[in-house]
N, C-alpha and C. Protein backbone atom coordinates (compact mmCIF):
# COMPACT_ATOMS: atom_id res chain seq x y z
N UNK A 1 -5.73 56.85 -45.59
CA UNK A 1 -7.07 57.25 -45.98
C UNK A 1 -7.13 58.78 -45.90
N UNK A 2 -7.53 59.42 -46.94
CA UNK A 2 -7.58 60.87 -46.96
C UNK A 2 -8.97 61.42 -46.67
N UNK A 3 -9.94 60.52 -46.46
CA UNK A 3 -11.26 60.98 -46.07
C UNK A 3 -11.15 61.63 -44.70
N UNK A 4 -11.95 62.65 -44.43
CA UNK A 4 -11.86 63.37 -43.16
C UNK A 4 -11.99 62.45 -41.95
N UNK A 5 -12.75 61.37 -42.10
CA UNK A 5 -12.92 60.44 -40.98
C UNK A 5 -11.66 59.65 -40.70
N UNK A 6 -10.71 59.63 -41.64
CA UNK A 6 -9.49 58.86 -41.45
C UNK A 6 -8.24 59.70 -41.55
N UNK A 7 -8.37 60.97 -41.24
CA UNK A 7 -7.23 61.88 -41.41
C UNK A 7 -7.28 62.94 -40.31
N UNK A 8 -6.17 63.15 -39.64
CA UNK A 8 -6.08 64.17 -38.60
C UNK A 8 -4.85 65.01 -38.83
N UNK A 9 -5.02 66.31 -38.76
CA UNK A 9 -3.89 67.24 -38.78
C UNK A 9 -3.98 68.08 -37.52
N UNK A 10 -2.91 68.10 -36.78
CA UNK A 10 -2.82 68.96 -35.59
C UNK A 10 -1.82 70.05 -35.90
N UNK A 11 -2.22 71.28 -35.70
CA UNK A 11 -1.32 72.43 -35.86
C UNK A 11 -0.82 72.77 -34.45
N UNK A 12 0.30 72.17 -34.04
CA UNK A 12 0.71 72.28 -32.64
C UNK A 12 1.18 73.69 -32.27
N UNK A 13 1.06 73.97 -30.99
CA UNK A 13 1.51 75.25 -30.44
C UNK A 13 3.02 75.39 -30.61
N UNK A 14 3.74 74.30 -30.39
CA UNK A 14 5.21 74.33 -30.44
C UNK A 14 5.72 73.82 -31.78
N UNK A 15 6.83 74.36 -32.23
CA UNK A 15 7.43 73.96 -33.50
C UNK A 15 8.12 72.60 -33.35
N UNK A 16 8.17 71.86 -34.45
CA UNK A 16 8.94 70.62 -34.50
C UNK A 16 10.42 70.96 -34.60
N UNK A 17 11.25 70.05 -34.09
CA UNK A 17 12.70 70.25 -34.16
C UNK A 17 13.31 69.00 -34.77
N UNK A 18 14.15 69.18 -35.77
CA UNK A 18 14.85 68.06 -36.41
C UNK A 18 16.26 67.96 -35.84
N UNK A 19 16.68 66.75 -35.56
CA UNK A 19 18.01 66.47 -35.04
C UNK A 19 18.70 65.46 -35.96
N UNK A 20 19.99 65.49 -35.99
CA UNK A 20 20.79 64.50 -36.71
C UNK A 20 21.54 63.68 -35.66
N UNK A 21 21.27 62.38 -35.61
CA UNK A 21 21.89 61.50 -34.63
C UNK A 21 23.11 60.80 -35.21
N UNK A 22 24.00 60.37 -34.33
CA UNK A 22 25.19 59.61 -34.75
C UNK A 22 24.82 58.22 -35.24
N UNK A 23 23.92 57.56 -34.50
CA UNK A 23 23.55 56.19 -34.80
C UNK A 23 22.20 56.13 -35.49
N UNK A 24 22.06 55.15 -36.36
CA UNK A 24 20.81 54.95 -37.09
C UNK A 24 19.85 54.12 -36.23
N UNK A 25 18.55 54.45 -36.28
CA UNK A 25 17.56 53.71 -35.52
C UNK A 25 16.20 53.91 -36.18
N UNK A 26 15.18 53.25 -35.67
CA UNK A 26 13.82 53.41 -36.16
C UNK A 26 12.90 53.21 -34.96
N UNK A 27 12.27 54.29 -34.48
CA UNK A 27 11.43 54.18 -33.30
C UNK A 27 10.51 55.37 -33.15
N UNK A 28 9.51 55.18 -32.29
CA UNK A 28 8.64 56.26 -31.85
C UNK A 28 8.76 56.29 -30.34
N UNK A 29 9.01 57.47 -29.80
CA UNK A 29 9.15 57.63 -28.35
C UNK A 29 8.17 58.69 -27.88
N UNK A 30 7.44 58.38 -26.81
CA UNK A 30 6.49 59.33 -26.22
C UNK A 30 6.82 59.46 -24.74
N UNK A 31 7.04 60.69 -24.30
CA UNK A 31 7.46 60.91 -22.92
C UNK A 31 6.77 62.14 -22.33
N UNK A 32 6.51 62.07 -21.03
CA UNK A 32 6.15 63.29 -20.30
C UNK A 32 7.42 64.10 -20.21
N UNK A 33 7.31 65.37 -20.47
CA UNK A 33 8.49 66.25 -20.47
C UNK A 33 8.88 66.54 -19.01
N UNK A 34 9.57 65.56 -18.39
CA UNK A 34 9.85 65.65 -16.96
C UNK A 34 11.34 65.57 -16.62
N UNK A 35 12.20 65.62 -17.62
CA UNK A 35 13.63 65.48 -17.36
C UNK A 35 14.20 66.80 -16.83
N UNK A 36 14.98 66.71 -15.77
CA UNK A 36 15.57 67.94 -15.21
C UNK A 36 17.08 68.01 -15.42
N UNK A 37 17.59 67.26 -16.44
CA UNK A 37 19.01 67.36 -16.76
C UNK A 37 19.27 68.69 -17.48
N UNK A 38 20.50 69.12 -17.49
CA UNK A 38 20.88 70.40 -18.07
C UNK A 38 20.43 70.60 -19.51
N UNK A 39 20.76 69.64 -20.43
CA UNK A 39 20.34 69.82 -21.82
C UNK A 39 18.81 69.92 -22.00
N UNK A 40 18.06 69.16 -21.21
CA UNK A 40 16.60 69.21 -21.32
C UNK A 40 16.05 70.55 -20.80
N UNK A 41 16.65 71.04 -19.73
CA UNK A 41 16.23 72.34 -19.20
C UNK A 41 16.49 73.43 -20.23
N UNK A 42 17.65 73.40 -20.85
CA UNK A 42 17.99 74.38 -21.89
C UNK A 42 17.05 74.23 -23.08
N UNK A 43 16.83 72.99 -23.52
CA UNK A 43 15.95 72.74 -24.66
C UNK A 43 14.51 73.16 -24.41
N UNK A 44 14.06 73.01 -23.18
CA UNK A 44 12.69 73.37 -22.82
C UNK A 44 12.51 74.88 -22.77
N UNK A 45 13.58 75.59 -22.45
CA UNK A 45 13.49 77.05 -22.36
C UNK A 45 12.49 77.47 -21.29
N UNK A 46 11.60 78.40 -21.62
CA UNK A 46 10.65 78.90 -20.61
C UNK A 46 9.46 77.97 -20.34
N UNK A 47 9.37 76.87 -21.06
CA UNK A 47 8.25 75.94 -20.87
C UNK A 47 8.45 75.23 -19.54
N UNK A 48 7.46 75.25 -18.66
CA UNK A 48 7.61 74.58 -17.37
C UNK A 48 7.74 73.07 -17.50
N UNK A 49 8.52 72.47 -16.61
CA UNK A 49 8.62 71.02 -16.55
C UNK A 49 7.23 70.44 -16.31
N UNK A 50 6.93 69.27 -16.84
CA UNK A 50 5.64 68.58 -16.75
C UNK A 50 4.51 69.27 -17.52
N UNK A 51 4.81 70.27 -18.35
CA UNK A 51 3.76 71.00 -19.05
C UNK A 51 3.43 70.43 -20.42
N UNK A 52 4.33 69.60 -20.98
CA UNK A 52 4.11 69.09 -22.32
C UNK A 52 4.41 67.60 -22.40
N UNK A 53 3.98 67.01 -23.50
CA UNK A 53 4.30 65.63 -23.83
C UNK A 53 5.21 65.70 -25.05
N UNK A 54 6.29 64.95 -25.02
CA UNK A 54 7.26 64.97 -26.11
C UNK A 54 7.11 63.70 -26.94
N UNK A 55 6.98 63.88 -28.25
CA UNK A 55 6.95 62.75 -29.18
C UNK A 55 8.17 62.86 -30.08
N UNK A 56 8.88 61.76 -30.22
CA UNK A 56 10.03 61.72 -31.13
C UNK A 56 9.81 60.60 -32.13
N UNK A 57 10.04 60.91 -33.39
CA UNK A 57 10.03 59.92 -34.47
C UNK A 57 11.45 59.84 -35.00
N UNK A 58 12.00 58.64 -35.00
CA UNK A 58 13.36 58.44 -35.48
C UNK A 58 13.32 57.54 -36.71
N UNK A 59 13.92 58.03 -37.79
CA UNK A 59 14.03 57.26 -39.03
C UNK A 59 15.46 57.40 -39.51
N UNK A 60 16.21 56.31 -39.40
CA UNK A 60 17.63 56.38 -39.75
C UNK A 60 18.36 57.23 -38.74
N UNK A 61 19.04 58.25 -39.22
CA UNK A 61 19.77 59.15 -38.33
C UNK A 61 19.03 60.46 -38.10
N UNK A 62 17.79 60.53 -38.59
CA UNK A 62 16.99 61.75 -38.42
C UNK A 62 15.98 61.54 -37.31
N UNK A 63 15.97 62.47 -36.37
CA UNK A 63 15.03 62.43 -35.24
C UNK A 63 14.22 63.72 -35.26
N UNK A 64 12.90 63.60 -35.29
CA UNK A 64 12.01 64.75 -35.23
C UNK A 64 11.37 64.76 -33.85
N UNK A 65 11.52 65.86 -33.15
CA UNK A 65 10.92 66.02 -31.82
C UNK A 65 9.77 67.00 -31.90
N UNK A 66 8.67 66.66 -31.23
CA UNK A 66 7.50 67.52 -31.21
C UNK A 66 6.93 67.55 -29.81
N UNK A 67 6.80 68.74 -29.26
CA UNK A 67 6.12 68.91 -27.98
C UNK A 67 4.64 69.09 -28.26
N UNK A 68 3.81 68.47 -27.42
CA UNK A 68 2.38 68.63 -27.51
C UNK A 68 1.83 69.15 -26.19
N UNK A 69 0.83 70.01 -26.26
CA UNK A 69 0.11 70.40 -25.06
C UNK A 69 -0.74 69.20 -24.64
N UNK A 70 -1.20 69.18 -23.40
CA UNK A 70 -2.08 68.09 -22.99
C UNK A 70 -3.32 67.96 -23.88
N UNK A 71 -3.91 69.07 -24.30
CA UNK A 71 -5.09 69.00 -25.18
C UNK A 71 -4.74 68.40 -26.53
N UNK A 72 -3.60 68.78 -27.10
CA UNK A 72 -3.17 68.21 -28.38
C UNK A 72 -2.93 66.71 -28.24
N UNK A 73 -2.30 66.31 -27.14
CA UNK A 73 -2.02 64.89 -26.90
C UNK A 73 -3.31 64.10 -26.74
N UNK A 74 -4.28 64.66 -26.02
CA UNK A 74 -5.57 63.98 -25.86
C UNK A 74 -6.28 63.81 -27.20
N UNK A 75 -6.23 64.86 -28.03
CA UNK A 75 -6.87 64.79 -29.35
C UNK A 75 -6.21 63.69 -30.19
N UNK A 76 -4.88 63.64 -30.18
CA UNK A 76 -4.16 62.62 -30.93
C UNK A 76 -4.47 61.23 -30.38
N UNK A 77 -4.46 61.09 -29.07
CA UNK A 77 -4.71 59.79 -28.44
C UNK A 77 -6.12 59.29 -28.77
N UNK A 78 -7.10 60.16 -28.66
CA UNK A 78 -8.49 59.78 -28.97
C UNK A 78 -8.60 59.34 -30.43
N UNK A 79 -7.96 60.09 -31.32
CA UNK A 79 -8.02 59.76 -32.74
C UNK A 79 -7.34 58.42 -33.01
N UNK A 80 -6.17 58.18 -32.42
CA UNK A 80 -5.48 56.91 -32.60
C UNK A 80 -6.32 55.73 -32.10
N UNK A 81 -6.96 55.90 -30.96
CA UNK A 81 -7.82 54.84 -30.43
C UNK A 81 -9.00 54.58 -31.37
N UNK A 82 -9.60 55.65 -31.89
CA UNK A 82 -10.71 55.48 -32.84
C UNK A 82 -10.25 54.78 -34.11
N UNK A 83 -9.11 55.18 -34.64
CA UNK A 83 -8.58 54.55 -35.86
C UNK A 83 -8.27 53.08 -35.61
N UNK A 84 -7.70 52.77 -34.46
CA UNK A 84 -7.38 51.38 -34.14
C UNK A 84 -8.66 50.53 -34.10
N UNK A 85 -9.73 51.09 -33.56
CA UNK A 85 -11.02 50.39 -33.53
C UNK A 85 -11.53 50.15 -34.94
N UNK A 86 -11.44 51.16 -35.79
CA UNK A 86 -11.88 51.02 -37.18
C UNK A 86 -11.07 49.94 -37.89
N UNK A 87 -9.75 49.98 -37.74
CA UNK A 87 -8.89 48.99 -38.39
C UNK A 87 -9.22 47.58 -37.89
N UNK A 88 -9.39 47.43 -36.58
CA UNK A 88 -9.77 46.11 -36.04
C UNK A 88 -11.10 45.64 -36.63
N UNK A 89 -12.08 46.53 -36.66
CA UNK A 89 -13.40 46.18 -37.17
C UNK A 89 -13.35 45.79 -38.64
N UNK A 90 -12.66 46.59 -39.44
CA UNK A 90 -12.56 46.32 -40.87
C UNK A 90 -11.81 45.00 -41.11
N UNK A 91 -10.77 44.74 -40.34
CA UNK A 91 -10.03 43.49 -40.55
C UNK A 91 -10.87 42.28 -40.16
N UNK A 92 -11.77 42.41 -39.19
CA UNK A 92 -12.67 41.32 -38.84
C UNK A 92 -13.72 41.11 -39.92
N UNK A 93 -14.25 42.18 -40.48
CA UNK A 93 -15.24 42.08 -41.56
C UNK A 93 -14.61 41.41 -42.77
N UNK A 94 -13.36 41.75 -43.03
CA UNK A 94 -12.64 41.20 -44.19
C UNK A 94 -12.51 39.68 -44.08
N UNK A 95 -12.51 39.15 -42.87
CA UNK A 95 -12.35 37.72 -42.67
C UNK A 95 -13.65 36.96 -42.96
N UNK A 96 -14.77 37.66 -42.94
CA UNK A 96 -16.06 37.03 -43.15
C UNK A 96 -16.29 36.84 -44.65
N UNK A 97 -16.75 35.66 -45.02
CA UNK A 97 -17.04 35.41 -46.43
C UNK A 97 -18.43 35.97 -46.74
N UNK A 98 -18.45 37.04 -47.49
CA UNK A 98 -19.71 37.71 -47.80
C UNK A 98 -20.37 37.20 -49.06
N UNK A 99 -19.83 36.14 -49.67
CA UNK A 99 -20.42 35.63 -50.91
C UNK A 99 -21.52 34.63 -50.65
């Protein structure tokens, strides 16, 4: 839905990063950025641990990683909950015979 009520664009503080994986998969992963392993520390750079939420979308061998600030994550979460309510409501109305 492209109506403003059904569309959200977040211009995040942090840039998205694309990765190429060895294995193909299809998933969405959401994590608190709390890993203290070497690669995660290097990848995080100057961003403090526990300061962001990491979202990864994997399609095939392509993985897109996006860090969100807590405010960005809350905005996305609120919007997703609202959209889910709309979809549930509309699907229930669709079941009713209005003729």
